[in-house]
Amino acid sequence: MLLPFKPNGKPQHVKGFLHEFKVTAKNAAEFLNKLNDINAPLVGLDASLVMCYRDEYNTILENNRGVFNVQLAHEWLETQSFKSLSAKQNTDTEFTLLSHCTETTALPKAANVWQTIFSDIGLTLKTTNTGCCGMAGTYGHEAQNQDNSRALYEMSWKPIVDKNKPEQLLSTGFSCRSQVKRFEKFKPKHPIELLAQVLS
């Protein structure tokens, strides 16, 4: 079930609008705690937003945050079994995963989990060490940051992007996929999009 859009507040927090962020976080937490009562897993796709529920919400809401838990896609998929499934495409294709920098720092085993999931269905997933893509949430969208944003991308991500075909590149970060689209004119898939494609 795809839930209705509910603002997370991460951009407010990044820009220092802490009063507004607290209001947004309180509203979102109330909504997610109600969902938590039905005992169904809550899954989010973007690392920076999901980590915000865990970190910034705890800080600003303290005891009023509640007990809801939003998992990242790989965290939920890790609890499922894929060994009986097989990809409906050429398994000789290798894919390369470029991870969101926040996810890499906070959840260093995430890439290994994706590798295991891909391996279980007969696909090869390579991981690589990268720094920030240069988008960094709202940072790369701001006019005064364009040169720095491009420089970060060219220093860290571009060499890897250039070595791979567009259809082989995967990325977990929304900002990261947007940054690649801006400079390379194609948007890498999220790993879950590729899984949906090859298993359908």
N, C-alpha and C. Protein backbone atom coordinates (compact mmCIF):
# COMPACT_ATOMS: atom_id res chain seq x y z
N MET A 1 0.85 -1.19 0.00
CA MET A 1 0.00 0.00 0.00
C MET A 1 0.88 1.24 0.00
N LEU A 2 0.63 2.14 -0.95
CA LEU A 2 1.36 3.40 -1.01
C LEU A 2 0.61 4.43 -0.17
N LEU A 3 1.29 4.95 0.84
CA LEU A 3 0.65 5.90 1.75
C LEU A 3 0.54 7.28 1.10
N PRO A 4 -0.42 8.08 1.54
CA PRO A 4 -0.50 9.46 1.03
C PRO A 4 0.72 10.26 1.46
N PHE A 5 1.06 11.26 0.67
CA PHE A 5 2.21 12.10 0.99
C PHE A 5 2.01 12.80 2.34
N LYS A 6 3.02 12.71 3.16
CA LYS A 6 3.02 13.39 4.45
C LYS A 6 4.40 14.05 4.60
N PRO A 7 4.46 15.38 4.64
CA PRO A 7 5.78 16.03 4.73
C PRO A 7 6.61 15.49 5.89
N ASN A 8 7.89 15.29 5.60
CA ASN A 8 8.83 14.76 6.58
C ASN A 8 9.50 15.88 7.36
N GLY A 9 9.75 17.02 6.69
CA GLY A 9 10.35 18.17 7.35
C GLY A 9 11.85 18.29 7.23
N LYS A 10 12.48 17.32 6.58
CA LYS A 10 13.95 17.35 6.46
C LYS A 10 14.46 18.68 5.88
N PRO A 11 13.87 19.21 4.80
CA PRO A 11 14.37 20.50 4.28
C PRO A 11 14.26 21.64 5.30
N GLN A 12 13.19 21.64 6.11
CA GLN A 12 13.06 22.66 7.15
C GLN A 12 14.20 22.56 8.15
N HIS A 13 14.53 21.32 8.52
CA HIS A 13 15.60 21.10 9.48
C HIS A 13 16.94 21.56 8.91
N VAL A 14 17.20 21.21 7.66
CA VAL A 14 18.46 21.57 7.01
C VAL A 14 18.64 23.08 6.97
N LYS A 15 17.55 23.79 6.74
CA LYS A 15 17.62 25.25 6.62
C LYS A 15 17.49 25.97 7.97
N GLY A 16 17.34 25.20 9.04
CA GLY A 16 17.33 25.82 10.36
C GLY A 16 15.98 26.33 10.83
N PHE A 17 14.89 25.97 10.11
CA PHE A 17 13.55 26.37 10.54
C PHE A 17 13.06 25.36 11.57
N LEU A 18 13.63 25.40 12.75
CA LEU A 18 13.39 24.34 13.74
C LEU A 18 11.99 24.36 14.32
N HIS A 19 11.40 25.56 14.49
CA HIS A 19 10.01 25.61 14.99
C HIS A 19 9.08 24.95 13.98
N GLU A 20 9.22 25.33 12.71
CA GLU A 20 8.39 24.74 11.66
C GLU A 20 8.63 23.24 11.54
N PHE A 21 9.91 22.86 11.67
CA PHE A 21 10.25 21.43 11.60
C PHE A 21 9.58 20.65 12.72
N LYS A 22 9.56 21.22 13.91
CA LYS A 22 8.95 20.52 15.04
C LYS A 22 7.46 20.28 14.80
N VAL A 23 6.78 21.27 14.21
CA VAL A 23 5.36 21.12 13.90
C VAL A 23 5.17 20.01 12.86
N THR A 24 5.98 20.04 11.82
CA THR A 24 5.89 19.02 10.77
C THR A 24 6.19 17.64 11.33
N ALA A 25 7.24 17.54 12.14
CA ALA A 25 7.62 16.25 12.73
C ALA A 25 6.52 15.72 13.65
N LYS A 26 5.91 16.59 14.42
CA LYS A 26 4.82 16.17 15.32
C LYS A 26 3.66 15.61 14.52
N ASN A 27 3.28 16.30 13.43
CA ASN A 27 2.17 15.82 12.59
C ASN A 27 2.49 14.48 11.94
N ALA A 28 3.70 14.38 11.41
CA ALA A 28 4.10 13.13 10.75
C ALA A 28 4.19 11.99 11.75
N ALA A 29 4.73 12.27 12.93
CA ALA A 29 4.87 11.22 13.94
C ALA A 29 3.51 10.71 14.40
N GLU A 30 2.55 11.61 14.57
CA GLU A 30 1.20 11.19 14.95
C GLU A 30 0.60 10.26 13.89
N PHE A 31 0.77 10.63 12.64
CA PHE A 31 0.28 9.82 11.52
C PHE A 31 0.94 8.45 11.51
N LEU A 32 2.27 8.41 11.64
CA LEU A 32 3.01 7.15 11.55
C LEU A 32 2.76 6.26 12.78
N ASN A 33 2.52 6.89 13.93
CA ASN A 33 2.21 6.08 15.12
C ASN A 33 0.85 5.41 15.00
N LYS A 34 -0.11 6.08 14.36
CA LYS A 34 -1.41 5.44 14.11
C LYS A 34 -1.24 4.24 13.20
N LEU A 35 -0.41 4.39 12.18
CA LEU A 35 -0.14 3.26 11.27
C LEU A 35 0.59 2.14 11.99
N ASN A 36 1.45 2.52 12.91
CA ASN A 36 2.21 1.52 13.66
C ASN A 36 1.28 0.58 14.42
N ASP A 37 0.12 1.08 14.80
CA ASP A 37 -0.83 0.27 15.58
C ASP A 37 -1.42 -0.89 14.78
N ILE A 38 -1.37 -0.83 13.43
CA ILE A 38 -1.91 -1.94 12.65
C ILE A 38 -0.88 -3.05 12.45
N ASN A 39 0.32 -2.82 12.98
CA ASN A 39 1.36 -3.85 13.00
C ASN A 39 1.78 -4.31 11.60
N ALA A 40 1.81 -3.39 10.65
CA ALA A 40 2.33 -3.68 9.31
C ALA A 40 3.66 -2.95 9.16
N PRO A 41 4.61 -3.54 8.46
CA PRO A 41 5.90 -2.85 8.30
C PRO A 41 5.76 -1.55 7.51
N LEU A 42 6.47 -0.54 7.97
CA LEU A 42 6.52 0.75 7.27
C LEU A 42 7.88 0.81 6.57
N VAL A 43 7.86 1.07 5.27
CA VAL A 43 9.09 1.05 4.48
C VAL A 43 9.24 2.36 3.71
N GLY A 44 10.41 2.97 3.82
CA GLY A 44 10.72 4.19 3.07
C GLY A 44 11.88 3.94 2.13
N LEU A 45 11.95 4.70 1.05
CA LEU A 45 12.98 4.45 0.04
C LEU A 45 14.17 5.39 0.14
N ASP A 46 14.00 6.58 0.69
CA ASP A 46 15.09 7.54 0.68
C ASP A 46 15.81 7.57 2.03
N ALA A 47 17.11 7.32 1.99
CA ALA A 47 17.88 7.20 3.23
C ALA A 47 17.81 8.45 4.10
N SER A 48 17.97 9.63 3.50
CA SER A 48 18.03 10.83 4.33
C SER A 48 16.71 11.09 5.04
N LEU A 49 15.59 10.77 4.39
CA LEU A 49 14.29 10.98 5.04
C LEU A 49 14.05 9.94 6.14
N VAL A 50 14.37 8.69 5.85
CA VAL A 50 14.16 7.65 6.86
C VAL A 50 15.07 7.88 8.06
N MET A 51 16.32 8.27 7.81
CA MET A 51 17.23 8.54 8.92
C MET A 51 16.75 9.75 9.74
N CYS A 52 16.06 10.67 9.09
CA CYS A 52 15.50 11.83 9.79
C CYS A 52 14.47 11.38 10.83
N TYR A 53 13.65 10.40 10.47
CA TYR A 53 12.68 9.86 11.43
C TYR A 53 13.39 9.32 12.67
N ARG A 54 14.56 8.76 12.47
CA ARG A 54 15.29 8.12 13.58
C ARG A 54 16.09 9.10 14.41
N ASP A 55 16.71 10.05 13.74
CA ASP A 55 17.63 10.94 14.43
C ASP A 55 17.02 12.29 14.80
N GLU A 56 16.70 13.10 13.79
CA GLU A 56 16.20 14.45 14.07
C GLU A 56 14.86 14.43 14.81
N TYR A 57 14.00 13.43 14.49
CA TYR A 57 12.72 13.34 15.21
C TYR A 57 12.95 13.02 16.67
N ASN A 58 13.89 12.14 16.97
CA ASN A 58 14.20 11.82 18.37
C ASN A 58 14.69 13.06 19.11
N THR A 59 15.51 13.85 18.44
CA THR A 59 16.08 15.03 19.09
C THR A 59 15.03 16.09 19.37
N ILE A 60 14.18 16.37 18.37
CA ILE A 60 13.26 17.50 18.53
C ILE A 60 11.96 17.13 19.25
N LEU A 61 11.52 15.88 19.12
CA LEU A 61 10.26 15.47 19.76
C LEU A 61 10.49 14.76 21.09
N GLU A 62 11.69 14.25 21.28
CA GLU A 62 12.05 13.53 22.51
C GLU A 62 11.01 12.44 22.82
N ASN A 63 10.41 12.48 24.01
CA ASN A 63 9.47 11.42 24.40
C ASN A 63 8.16 11.45 23.63
N ASN A 64 7.92 12.51 22.90
CA ASN A 64 6.67 12.63 22.13
C ASN A 64 6.79 12.02 20.72
N ARG A 65 7.95 11.48 20.39
CA ARG A 65 8.12 10.91 19.07
C ARG A 65 7.24 9.69 18.85
N GLY A 66 7.08 8.89 19.87
CA GLY A 66 6.33 7.64 19.72
C GLY A 66 7.24 6.49 19.34
N VAL A 67 6.64 5.36 19.00
CA VAL A 67 7.42 4.13 18.80
C VAL A 67 7.44 3.65 17.35
N PHE A 68 6.91 4.42 16.41
CA PHE A 68 6.87 3.96 15.03
C PHE A 68 8.29 3.71 14.50
N ASN A 69 8.40 2.78 13.59
CA ASN A 69 9.69 2.45 12.98
C ASN A 69 9.52 2.35 11.48
N VAL A 70 10.23 3.20 10.75
CA VAL A 70 10.24 3.12 9.29
C VAL A 70 11.56 2.49 8.88
N GLN A 71 11.46 1.39 8.14
CA GLN A 71 12.65 0.70 7.66
C GLN A 71 13.01 1.19 6.27
N LEU A 72 14.29 1.15 5.95
CA LEU A 72 14.70 1.34 4.56
C LEU A 72 14.41 0.06 3.79
N ALA A 73 14.33 0.18 2.47
CA ALA A 73 13.94 -0.97 1.64
C ALA A 73 14.82 -2.18 1.89
N HIS A 74 16.13 -1.97 1.97
CA HIS A 74 17.02 -3.12 2.15
C HIS A 74 16.82 -3.77 3.53
N GLU A 75 16.45 -2.97 4.52
CA GLU A 75 16.24 -3.52 5.86
C GLU A 75 15.03 -4.45 5.88
N TRP A 76 13.97 -4.06 5.18
CA TRP A 76 12.80 -4.92 5.13
C TRP A 76 13.05 -6.12 4.22
N LEU A 77 13.64 -5.87 3.05
CA LEU A 77 13.90 -6.97 2.11
C LEU A 77 14.83 -8.02 2.71
N GLU A 78 15.70 -7.59 3.62
CA GLU A 78 16.62 -8.53 4.26
C GLU A 78 15.87 -9.60 5.06
N THR A 79 14.65 -9.29 5.49
CA THR A 79 13.87 -10.25 6.28
C THR A 79 13.05 -11.19 5.39
N GLN A 80 13.09 -10.97 4.08
CA GLN A 80 12.33 -11.79 3.15
C GLN A 80 13.27 -12.81 2.49
N SER A 81 12.68 -13.84 1.89
CA SER A 81 13.48 -14.85 1.20
C SER A 81 13.30 -14.72 -0.30
N PHE A 82 14.42 -14.65 -1.02
CA PHE A 82 14.40 -14.54 -2.47
C PHE A 82 15.00 -15.77 -3.16
N LYS A 83 15.40 -16.76 -2.38
CA LYS A 83 16.13 -17.89 -2.94
C LYS A 83 15.30 -18.71 -3.93
N SER A 84 13.97 -18.65 -3.81
CA SER A 84 13.13 -19.43 -4.74
C SER A 84 12.83 -18.64 -6.02
N LEU A 85 13.28 -17.40 -6.09
CA LEU A 85 13.01 -16.56 -7.26
C LEU A 85 14.24 -16.48 -8.15
N SER A 86 14.02 -16.20 -9.40
CA SER A 86 15.14 -15.97 -10.30
C SER A 86 14.80 -14.84 -11.25
N ALA A 87 15.82 -14.09 -11.61
CA ALA A 87 15.63 -12.94 -12.49
C ALA A 87 15.24 -13.39 -13.88
N LYS A 88 14.30 -12.67 -14.48
CA LYS A 88 13.84 -12.99 -15.83
C LYS A 88 14.61 -12.16 -16.86
N GLN A 89 15.92 -12.12 -16.71
CA GLN A 89 16.75 -11.44 -17.71
C GLN A 89 18.15 -12.02 -17.62
N ASN A 90 18.99 -11.63 -18.53
CA ASN A 90 20.34 -12.16 -18.61
C ASN A 90 21.10 -11.94 -17.29
N THR A 91 21.42 -13.04 -16.63
CA THR A 91 22.09 -12.92 -15.34
C THR A 91 23.58 -12.63 -15.48
N ASP A 92 24.07 -12.54 -16.72
CA ASP A 92 25.48 -12.18 -16.93
C ASP A 92 25.70 -10.68 -16.71
N THR A 93 24.62 -9.92 -16.72
CA THR A 93 24.73 -8.48 -16.53
C THR A 93 25.16 -8.16 -15.11
N GLU A 94 26.17 -7.32 -15.00
CA GLU A 94 26.60 -6.84 -13.70
C GLU A 94 26.04 -5.45 -13.46
N PHE A 95 25.60 -5.22 -12.26
CA PHE A 95 25.08 -3.91 -11.88
C PHE A 95 26.03 -3.28 -10.86
N THR A 96 26.07 -1.96 -10.86
CA THR A 96 26.93 -1.24 -9.93
C THR A 96 26.06 -0.34 -9.05
N LEU A 97 26.23 -0.48 -7.75
CA LEU A 97 25.45 0.30 -6.79
C LEU A 97 26.26 1.47 -6.26
N LEU A 98 25.70 2.66 -6.40
CA LEU A 98 26.27 3.86 -5.81
C LEU A 98 25.35 4.27 -4.65
N SER A 99 25.86 4.19 -3.46
CA SER A 99 25.02 4.41 -2.27
C SER A 99 24.99 5.87 -1.86
N HIS A 100 23.87 6.25 -1.25
CA HIS A 100 23.71 7.59 -0.68
C HIS A 100 24.73 7.75 0.44
N CYS A 101 25.39 8.91 0.52
CA CYS A 101 26.47 9.09 1.49
C CYS A 101 25.98 9.00 2.93
N THR A 102 24.79 9.51 3.21
CA THR A 102 24.24 9.40 4.57
C THR A 102 24.04 7.94 4.95
N GLU A 103 23.52 7.17 4.00
CA GLU A 103 23.29 5.75 4.24
C GLU A 103 24.61 5.01 4.44
N THR A 104 25.60 5.34 3.63
CA THR A 104 26.91 4.69 3.74
C THR A 104 27.53 4.93 5.10
N THR A 105 27.38 6.15 5.61
CA THR A 105 27.97 6.50 6.90
C THR A 105 27.22 5.87 8.06
N ALA A 106 25.89 5.96 8.03
CA ALA A 106 25.08 5.50 9.16
C ALA A 106 24.83 4.00 9.13
N LEU A 107 24.76 3.43 7.92
CA LEU A 107 24.44 2.01 7.77
C LEU A 107 25.44 1.35 6.82
N PRO A 108 26.67 1.18 7.27
CA PRO A 108 27.74 0.72 6.38
C PRO A 108 27.53 -0.68 5.80
N LYS A 109 26.63 -1.47 6.36
CA LYS A 109 26.39 -2.82 5.84
C LYS A 109 25.30 -2.87 4.78
N ALA A 110 24.68 -1.73 4.50
CA ALA A 110 23.54 -1.71 3.56
C ALA A 110 23.91 -2.26 2.20
N ALA A 111 25.06 -1.87 1.67
CA ALA A 111 25.47 -2.33 0.34
C ALA A 111 25.63 -3.85 0.30
N ASN A 112 26.14 -4.42 1.40
CA ASN A 112 26.29 -5.87 1.46
C ASN A 112 24.94 -6.58 1.45
N VAL A 113 23.94 -5.97 2.08
CA VAL A 113 22.59 -6.55 2.08
C VAL A 113 22.04 -6.56 0.66
N TRP A 114 22.20 -5.44 -0.06
CA TRP A 114 21.74 -5.40 -1.46
C TRP A 114 22.46 -6.46 -2.28
N GLN A 115 23.75 -6.65 -2.05
CA GLN A 115 24.49 -7.67 -2.80
C GLN A 115 23.91 -9.06 -2.56
N THR A 116 23.58 -9.36 -1.32
CA THR A 116 23.01 -10.67 -0.99
C THR A 116 21.66 -10.87 -1.66
N ILE A 117 20.81 -9.85 -1.63
CA ILE A 117 19.50 -9.94 -2.28
C ILE A 117 19.66 -10.21 -3.77
N PHE A 118 20.54 -9.47 -4.41
CA PHE A 118 20.77 -9.66 -5.85
C PHE A 118 21.34 -11.04 -6.13
N SER A 119 22.27 -11.47 -5.31
CA SER A 119 22.88 -12.79 -5.49
C SER A 119 21.83 -13.90 -5.38
N ASP A 120 20.89 -13.75 -4.47
CA ASP A 120 19.86 -14.77 -4.26
C ASP A 120 18.99 -14.98 -5.49
N ILE A 121 18.84 -13.96 -6.33
CA ILE A 121 18.03 -14.12 -7.53
C ILE A 121 18.88 -14.27 -8.80
N GLY A 122 20.18 -14.45 -8.59
CA GLY A 122 21.06 -14.74 -9.71
C GLY A 122 21.65 -13.54 -10.42
N LEU A 123 21.70 -12.40 -9.73
CA LEU A 123 22.27 -11.19 -10.33
C LEU A 123 23.54 -10.79 -9.59
N THR A 124 24.45 -10.15 -10.31
CA THR A 124 25.70 -9.69 -9.72
C THR A 124 25.61 -8.19 -9.47
N LEU A 125 25.87 -7.81 -8.23
CA LEU A 125 25.85 -6.39 -7.85
C LEU A 125 27.21 -6.02 -7.29
N LYS A 126 27.86 -5.08 -7.95
CA LYS A 126 29.13 -4.56 -7.45
C LYS A 126 28.86 -3.31 -6.63
N THR A 127 29.64 -3.13 -5.59
CA THR A 127 29.54 -1.90 -4.81
C THR A 127 30.84 -1.13 -4.97
N THR A 128 30.79 0.14 -4.72
CA THR A 128 31.97 0.98 -4.90
C THR A 128 31.99 2.06 -3.84
N ASN A 129 33.17 2.51 -3.50
CA ASN A 129 33.30 3.57 -2.51
C ASN A 129 33.19 4.93 -3.19
N THR A 130 32.24 5.72 -2.75
CA THR A 130 32.08 7.07 -3.28
C THR A 130 31.86 8.03 -2.12
N GLY A 131 32.12 9.28 -2.37
CA GLY A 131 31.79 10.32 -1.40
C GLY A 131 30.44 10.90 -1.76
N CYS A 132 30.23 12.15 -1.40
CA CYS A 132 28.97 12.82 -1.69
C CYS A 132 28.87 13.09 -3.20
N CYS A 133 27.67 12.96 -3.73
CA CYS A 133 27.44 13.22 -5.16
C CYS A 133 27.44 14.72 -5.46
N GLY A 134 27.36 15.54 -4.44
CA GLY A 134 27.36 16.98 -4.64
C GLY A 134 25.99 17.63 -4.59
N MET A 135 24.94 16.82 -4.59
CA MET A 135 23.60 17.40 -4.50
C MET A 135 23.28 17.75 -3.05
N ALA A 136 23.54 16.83 -2.16
CA ALA A 136 23.41 17.08 -0.71
C ALA A 136 22.09 17.73 -0.35
N GLY A 137 21.00 17.07 -0.72
CA GLY A 137 19.67 17.60 -0.41
C GLY A 137 19.37 18.84 -1.23
N THR A 138 19.13 19.95 -0.55
CA THR A 138 18.81 21.20 -1.25
C THR A 138 20.07 21.95 -1.71
N TYR A 139 21.21 21.60 -1.19
CA TYR A 139 22.45 22.33 -1.46
C TYR A 139 22.72 22.48 -2.96
N GLY A 140 22.66 21.38 -3.68
CA GLY A 140 22.99 21.41 -5.10
C GLY A 140 21.96 22.08 -5.98
N HIS A 141 20.80 22.42 -5.40
CA HIS A 141 19.76 23.11 -6.16
C HIS A 141 19.92 24.63 -6.09
N GLU A 142 20.78 25.11 -5.20
CA GLU A 142 20.89 26.55 -4.98
C GLU A 142 21.95 27.15 -5.90
N ALA A 143 21.60 28.30 -6.50
CA ALA A 143 22.44 28.91 -7.54
C ALA A 143 23.88 29.14 -7.08
N GLN A 144 24.05 29.58 -5.84
CA GLN A 144 25.39 29.92 -5.36
C GLN A 144 26.27 28.70 -5.15
N ASN A 145 25.67 27.51 -5.18
CA ASN A 145 26.43 26.28 -4.93
C ASN A 145 26.71 25.46 -6.18
N GLN A 146 26.34 25.98 -7.36
CA GLN A 146 26.43 25.17 -8.57
C GLN A 146 27.85 24.70 -8.88
N ASP A 147 28.82 25.58 -8.77
CA ASP A 147 30.20 25.20 -9.09
C ASP A 147 30.71 24.14 -8.12
N ASN A 148 30.45 24.34 -6.83
CA ASN A 148 30.89 23.36 -5.83
C ASN A 148 30.18 22.03 -6.02
N SER A 149 28.90 22.09 -6.32
CA SER A 149 28.13 20.87 -6.51
C SER A 149 28.69 20.05 -7.67
N ARG A 150 28.97 20.71 -8.78
CA ARG A 150 29.54 20.02 -9.93
C ARG A 150 30.93 19.47 -9.61
N ALA A 151 31.73 20.24 -8.91
CA ALA A 151 33.09 19.80 -8.57
C ALA A 151 33.07 18.54 -7.70
N LEU A 152 32.16 18.51 -6.73
CA LEU A 152 32.03 17.33 -5.88
C LEU A 152 31.62 16.11 -6.71
N TYR A 153 30.66 16.31 -7.60
CA TYR A 153 30.20 15.22 -8.47
C TYR A 153 31.34 14.71 -9.34
N GLU A 154 32.07 15.61 -9.96
CA GLU A 154 33.13 15.19 -10.88
C GLU A 154 34.29 14.53 -10.15
N MET A 155 34.51 14.90 -8.92
CA MET A 155 35.59 14.31 -8.13
C MET A 155 35.24 12.90 -7.65
N SER A 156 33.98 12.68 -7.31
CA SER A 156 33.61 11.43 -6.65
C SER A 156 32.79 10.48 -7.53
N TRP A 157 31.73 10.97 -8.13
CA TRP A 157 30.79 10.09 -8.83
C TRP A 157 31.07 9.91 -10.31
N LYS A 158 31.48 10.99 -10.98
CA LYS A 158 31.59 10.94 -12.45
C LYS A 158 32.51 9.83 -12.96
N PRO A 159 33.69 9.60 -12.37
CA PRO A 159 34.54 8.53 -12.90
C PRO A 159 33.86 7.16 -12.89
N ILE A 160 33.05 6.91 -11.88
CA ILE A 160 32.35 5.62 -11.79
C ILE A 160 31.19 5.57 -12.77
N VAL A 161 30.46 6.67 -12.87
CA VAL A 161 29.35 6.74 -13.82
C VAL A 161 29.86 6.52 -15.24
N ASP A 162 31.00 7.12 -15.56
CA ASP A 162 31.55 7.03 -16.91
C ASP A 162 31.99 5.60 -17.26
N LYS A 163 32.30 4.80 -16.26
CA LYS A 163 32.78 3.43 -16.52
C LYS A 163 31.64 2.43 -16.69
N ASN A 164 30.40 2.86 -16.47
CA ASN A 164 29.26 1.95 -16.50
C ASN A 164 28.22 2.41 -17.51
N LYS A 165 27.49 1.46 -18.07
CA LYS A 165 26.37 1.79 -18.94
C LYS A 165 25.22 2.28 -18.06
N PRO A 166 24.41 3.20 -18.56
CA PRO A 166 23.31 3.74 -17.76
C PRO A 166 22.40 2.67 -17.16
N GLU A 167 22.10 1.63 -17.92
CA GLU A 167 21.19 0.59 -17.44
C GLU A 167 21.81 -0.30 -16.38
N GLN A 168 23.12 -0.16 -16.15
CA GLN A 168 23.79 -0.97 -15.14
C GLN A 168 23.97 -0.23 -13.82
N LEU A 169 23.70 1.08 -13.82
CA LEU A 169 23.92 1.88 -12.62
C LEU A 169 22.67 1.94 -11.75
N LEU A 170 22.86 1.74 -10.46
CA LEU A 170 21.78 1.83 -9.49
C LEU A 170 22.21 2.77 -8.37
N SER A 171 21.24 3.46 -7.78
CA SER A 171 21.57 4.37 -6.68
C SER A 171 20.41 4.43 -5.70
N THR A 172 20.73 4.42 -4.42
CA THR A 172 19.69 4.44 -3.39
C THR A 172 19.20 5.84 -3.06
N GLY A 173 19.97 6.87 -3.37
CA GLY A 173 19.61 8.23 -2.96
C GLY A 173 18.83 8.99 -4.01
N PHE A 174 17.72 9.61 -3.61
CA PHE A 174 16.96 10.43 -4.56
C PHE A 174 17.81 11.61 -5.05
N SER A 175 18.49 12.29 -4.13
CA SER A 175 19.35 13.40 -4.52
C SER A 175 20.43 12.93 -5.49
N CYS A 176 20.98 11.77 -5.21
CA CYS A 176 22.06 11.23 -6.05
C CYS A 176 21.55 10.94 -7.47
N ARG A 177 20.39 10.33 -7.55
CA ARG A 177 19.83 10.02 -8.88
C ARG A 177 19.51 11.32 -9.63
N SER A 178 19.05 12.33 -8.90
CA SER A 178 18.76 13.62 -9.52
C SER A 178 20.04 14.30 -10.02
N GLN A 179 21.12 14.15 -9.26
CA GLN A 179 22.40 14.75 -9.65
C GLN A 179 22.94 14.09 -10.93
N VAL A 180 22.86 12.79 -11.01
CA VAL A 180 23.31 12.09 -12.22
C VAL A 180 22.46 12.53 -13.41
N LYS A 181 21.16 12.64 -13.21
CA LYS A 181 20.28 13.07 -14.29
C LYS A 181 20.65 14.47 -14.78
N ARG A 182 21.00 15.35 -13.85
CA ARG A 182 21.33 16.72 -14.22
C ARG A 182 22.56 16.78 -15.11
N PHE A 183 23.59 16.00 -14.76
CA PHE A 183 24.85 16.10 -15.49
C PHE A 183 25.00 15.08 -16.62
N GLU A 184 24.32 13.95 -16.53
CA GLU A 184 24.51 12.89 -17.52
C GLU A 184 23.28 12.65 -18.39
N LYS A 185 22.16 13.30 -18.07
CA LYS A 185 20.92 13.20 -18.85
C LYS A 185 20.28 11.82 -18.80
N PHE A 186 20.57 11.05 -17.76
CA PHE A 186 19.81 9.83 -17.49
C PHE A 186 19.74 9.66 -15.98
N LYS A 187 18.74 8.95 -15.54
CA LYS A 187 18.53 8.78 -14.09
C LYS A 187 18.70 7.31 -13.72
N PRO A 188 19.68 6.99 -12.88
CA PRO A 188 19.84 5.60 -12.45
C PRO A 188 18.60 5.11 -11.71
N LYS A 189 18.36 3.82 -11.77
CA LYS A 189 17.25 3.23 -11.03
C LYS A 189 17.64 3.05 -9.56
N HIS A 190 16.63 3.07 -8.71
CA HIS A 190 16.81 2.59 -7.34
C HIS A 190 16.89 1.07 -7.43
N PRO A 191 17.68 0.41 -6.59
CA PRO A 191 17.76 -1.05 -6.67
C PRO A 191 16.41 -1.75 -6.65
N ILE A 192 15.45 -1.18 -5.91
CA ILE A 192 14.14 -1.83 -5.83
C ILE A 192 13.41 -1.76 -7.16
N GLU A 193 13.68 -0.70 -7.95
CA GLU A 193 13.08 -0.60 -9.29
C GLU A 193 13.62 -1.70 -10.18
N LEU A 194 14.92 -1.96 -10.08
CA LEU A 194 15.52 -3.01 -10.90
C LEU A 194 14.97 -4.37 -10.50
N LEU A 195 14.83 -4.62 -9.20
CA LEU A 195 14.26 -5.89 -8.73
C LEU A 195 12.84 -6.07 -9.25
N ALA A 196 12.05 -5.02 -9.20
CA ALA A 196 10.67 -5.10 -9.70
C ALA A 196 10.67 -5.44 -11.19
N GLN A 197 11.61 -4.86 -11.90
CA GLN A 197 11.69 -5.09 -13.35
C GLN A 197 12.06 -6.53 -13.68
N VAL A 198 13.07 -7.04 -13.02
CA VAL A 198 13.58 -8.38 -13.40
C VAL A 198 12.74 -9.51 -12.80
N LEU A 199 11.94 -9.22 -11.81
CA LEU A 199 11.11 -10.26 -11.18
C LEU A 199 9.67 -10.24 -11.67
N SER A 200 9.30 -9.26 -12.48
CA SER A 200 7.90 -9.14 -12.91
C SER A 200 7.60 -10.11 -14.05
